[in-house]
Amino acid sequence: MYTTPEQFAGANKANVETLLTIANTAFASAERLAALNLNTARILLEDSVNNAKALLAAKDVQELVSMQSALAQPAFEKAVAYSRSVYEIASQTQDEFSKIFDSQYVELNKNVSNVLDKAAKSAPAGSDVAVAAVKSAIAAANSAYETMNKAAKQVAEMAEANVAAATSATVKAVGAAQKAKKAA
């Protein structure tokens, strides 16, 4: 029933490995986000310079206005692409963290179950009812956790689908508005 030094060392080693996995996941995500930001900043600078040159080359006000409209659409599409990339990185990172925490939850349940089994073996006679009640409470908590986890995943999937649909609709609306301006 008592924890041995080997068990304690093993638990600490597992905790350190989990923390390293979490840190590596966070650093990988930050690295991807930094690379995305640097690339986006570089492209934004290049586009700004090219757009300024094009606007300065305009011969009259009408050409300037039409150029501004033509330059707005690609800039908007790039902003949407950037937002999608950031969302994708965040979503993947969250999925990786969820997998880590889910595995830790499973391991914790296994350990609690082992401790309860050991406690039941060394418990005085007649305490079977109390042990069964604790096991029943743990089973109910696990069921509630699994239900909440499934519901959270469904909500996340719905939110992702809604974001994708809203983004697509916005891009189409901006494109239609640009076409309408050109036709007018």
Protein backbone atom coordinates (compact mmCIF):
# COMPACT_ATOMS: atom_id res chain seq x y z
CA MET A 1 0.00 0.00 0.00
CA TYR A 2 2.94 2.32 0.58
CA THR A 3 4.82 4.01 -2.24
CA THR A 4 8.32 2.71 -2.77
CA PRO A 5 11.20 4.98 -3.80
CA GLU A 6 11.23 3.25 -7.21
CA GLN A 7 7.54 4.01 -7.73
CA PHE A 8 8.07 7.60 -6.67
CA ALA A 9 11.06 7.97 -9.02
CA GLY A 10 9.09 6.37 -11.87
CA ALA A 11 6.20 8.76 -11.33
CA ASN A 12 8.54 11.75 -11.28
CA LYS A 13 10.25 10.56 -14.46
CA ALA A 14 6.87 10.20 -16.19
CA ASN A 15 5.86 13.69 -15.03
CA VAL A 16 9.11 15.20 -16.33
CA GLU A 17 8.62 13.44 -19.68
CA THR A 18 5.07 14.79 -19.90
CA LEU A 19 6.26 18.32 -19.11
CA LEU A 20 8.96 18.02 -21.77
CA THR A 21 6.36 16.88 -24.31
CA ILE A 22 4.15 19.84 -23.42
CA ALA A 23 7.10 22.25 -23.65
CA ASN A 24 8.22 20.81 -26.99
CA THR A 25 4.69 21.09 -28.35
CA ALA A 26 4.44 24.70 -27.19
CA PHE A 27 7.85 25.59 -28.65
CA ALA A 28 7.04 23.90 -31.98
CA SER A 29 3.79 25.84 -32.16
CA ALA A 30 5.53 29.11 -31.30
CA GLU A 31 8.18 28.38 -33.93
CA ARG A 32 5.54 27.74 -36.61
CA LEU A 33 3.70 30.91 -35.61
CA ALA A 34 6.91 32.98 -35.67
CA ALA A 35 7.80 31.62 -39.12
CA LEU A 36 4.31 32.45 -40.36
CA ASN A 37 4.53 35.97 -38.93
CA LEU A 38 7.96 36.62 -40.43
CA ASN A 39 6.89 35.32 -43.83
CA THR A 40 3.69 37.37 -43.69
CA ALA A 41 5.62 40.50 -42.71
CA ARG A 42 8.05 39.99 -45.60
CA ILE A 43 5.22 39.51 -48.10
CA LEU A 44 3.33 42.49 -46.67
CA LEU A 45 6.39 44.71 -47.06
CA GLU A 46 6.98 43.56 -50.64
CA ASP A 47 3.32 44.03 -51.54
CA SER A 48 3.22 47.47 -49.93
CA VAL A 49 6.24 48.64 -51.90
CA ASN A 50 4.84 47.23 -55.16
CA ASN A 51 1.41 48.72 -54.49
CA ALA A 52 2.89 52.13 -53.67
CA LYS A 53 4.90 52.06 -56.91
CA ALA A 54 1.80 51.11 -58.88
CA LEU A 55 -0.30 53.83 -57.24
CA LEU A 56 2.39 56.46 -57.84
CA ALA A 57 2.43 55.51 -61.51
CA ALA A 58 -1.28 56.29 -61.89
CA LYS A 59 -1.92 58.93 -64.55
CA ASP A 60 -5.19 60.31 -63.21
CA VAL A 61 -7.58 60.08 -60.25
CA GLN A 62 -9.87 57.55 -61.92
CA GLU A 63 -6.97 55.18 -62.59
CA LEU A 64 -5.83 55.65 -58.99
CA VAL A 65 -9.28 54.73 -57.64
CA SER A 66 -9.55 51.67 -59.86
CA MET A 67 -6.06 50.54 -58.83
CA GLN A 68 -6.93 50.87 -55.16
CA SER A 69 -9.98 48.65 -55.68
CA ALA A 70 -7.94 46.10 -57.61
CA LEU A 71 -5.24 46.03 -54.91
CA ALA A 72 -7.72 45.61 -52.05
CA GLN A 73 -8.94 42.14 -53.07
CA PRO A 74 -5.55 40.36 -52.99
CA ALA A 75 -4.69 42.06 -49.68
CA PHE A 76 -7.97 40.88 -48.18
CA GLU A 77 -7.42 37.33 -49.46
CA LYS A 78 -3.93 37.28 -47.94
CA ALA A 79 -5.31 38.48 -44.61
CA VAL A 80 -7.89 35.69 -44.68
CA ALA A 81 -5.18 33.13 -45.56
CA TYR A 82 -3.05 34.39 -42.66
CA SER A 83 -5.99 34.08 -40.27
CA ARG A 84 -6.65 30.54 -41.48
CA SER A 85 -3.02 29.61 -40.91
CA VAL A 86 -3.00 31.03 -37.38
CA TYR A 87 -6.24 29.19 -36.63
CA GLU A 88 -4.79 25.95 -38.03
CA ILE A 89 -1.65 26.24 -35.89
CA ALA A 90 -3.72 26.97 -32.78
CA SER A 91 -6.11 24.13 -33.52
CA GLN A 92 -3.32 21.61 -34.09
CA THR A 93 -1.58 22.69 -30.91
CA GLN A 94 -4.78 22.35 -28.94
CA ASP A 95 -5.32 18.86 -30.39
CA GLU A 96 -1.82 17.82 -29.34
CA PHE A 97 -2.34 19.19 -25.83
CA SER A 98 -5.68 17.37 -25.61
CA LYS A 99 -4.01 14.08 -26.52
CA ILE A 100 -1.37 14.62 -23.84
CA PHE A 101 -3.94 15.49 -21.17
CA ASP A 102 -6.22 12.63 -22.18
CA SER A 103 -3.36 10.14 -21.81
CA GLN A 104 -2.53 11.65 -18.41
CA TYR A 105 -6.18 11.31 -17.40
CA VAL A 106 -6.20 7.63 -18.40
CA GLU A 107 -2.98 7.03 -16.46
CA LEU A 108 -4.39 8.79 -13.38
CA ASN A 109 -7.54 6.66 -13.51
CA LYS A 110 -5.43 3.52 -13.77
CA ASN A 111 -3.35 4.58 -10.76
CA VAL A 112 -6.41 5.46 -8.68
CA SER A 113 -7.96 2.11 -9.55
CA ASN A 114 -4.78 0.28 -8.50
CA VAL A 115 -4.65 2.19 -5.22
CA LEU A 116 -8.31 1.37 -4.54
CA ASP A 117 -7.71 -2.31 -5.28
CA LYS A 118 -4.74 -2.38 -2.90
CA ALA A 119 -6.72 -0.51 -0.27
CA ALA A 120 -9.62 -2.94 -0.62
CA LYS A 121 -7.31 -5.90 -0.07
CA SER A 122 -5.91 -4.48 3.14
CA ALA A 123 -9.15 -2.89 4.37
CA PRO A 124 -11.04 -4.33 7.31
CA ALA A 125 -13.93 -6.67 6.69
CA GLY A 126 -17.18 -4.97 5.74
CA SER A 127 -15.54 -2.05 3.94
CA ASP A 128 -16.38 -3.53 0.55
CA VAL A 129 -19.43 -1.27 0.35
CA ALA A 130 -17.34 1.88 0.79
CA VAL A 131 -14.80 0.75 -1.83
CA ALA A 132 -17.61 -0.11 -4.25
CA ALA A 133 -19.15 3.33 -3.66
CA VAL A 134 -15.84 5.06 -4.42
CA LYS A 135 -15.38 2.96 -7.56
CA SER A 136 -18.92 3.81 -8.64
CA ALA A 137 -18.26 7.52 -8.09
CA ILE A 138 -15.06 7.29 -10.14
CA ALA A 139 -16.90 5.49 -12.94
CA ALA A 140 -19.57 8.20 -12.92
CA ALA A 141 -16.91 10.92 -13.03
CA ASN A 142 -15.18 9.16 -15.94
CA SER A 143 -18.44 8.90 -17.81
CA ALA A 144 -19.14 12.59 -17.25
CA TYR A 145 -15.60 13.48 -18.39
CA GLU A 146 -15.97 11.42 -21.57
CA THR A 147 -19.37 12.98 -22.31
CA MET A 148 -18.01 16.49 -21.79
CA ASN A 149 -14.95 15.68 -23.91
CA LYS A 150 -17.12 14.42 -26.78
CA ALA A 151 -19.37 17.46 -26.51
CA ALA A 152 -16.37 19.81 -26.52
CA LYS A 153 -14.99 18.09 -29.63
CA GLN A 154 -18.35 18.42 -31.38
CA VAL A 155 -18.53 22.11 -30.47
CA ALA A 156 -14.99 22.63 -31.75
CA GLU A 157 -15.82 20.86 -35.02
CA MET A 158 -18.97 22.96 -35.44
CA ALA A 159 -17.05 26.16 -34.68
CA GLU A 160 -14.37 25.21 -37.20
CA ALA A 161 -17.01 24.52 -39.85
CA ASN A 162 -18.74 27.83 -39.08
CA VAL A 163 -15.46 29.76 -39.26
CA ALA A 164 -14.66 28.14 -42.61
CA ALA A 165 -18.14 28.92 -43.95
CA ALA A 166 -18.06 32.52 -42.70
CA THR A 167 -14.60 33.08 -44.14
CA SER A 168 -15.62 31.66 -47.50
CA ALA A 169 -18.77 33.76 -47.55
CA THR A 170 -16.80 36.91 -46.67
CA VAL A 171 -14.25 36.29 -49.42
CA LYS A 172 -17.05 35.73 -51.93
CA ALA A 173 -18.87 38.87 -50.77
CA VAL A 174 -15.74 41.01 -51.11
CA GLY A 175 -15.08 39.51 -54.55
CA ALA A 176 -18.65 40.22 -55.62
CA ALA A 177 -18.39 43.80 -54.33
CA GLN A 178 -15.17 44.29 -56.29
CA LYS A 179 -16.83 42.96 -59.46
CA ALA A 180 -19.82 45.23 -58.89
CA LYS A 181 -17.52 48.27 -58.52
CA LYS A 182 -15.72 47.37 -61.71
CA ALA A 183 -19.00 46.96 -63.59
CA ALA A 184 -20.29 50.34 -62.36
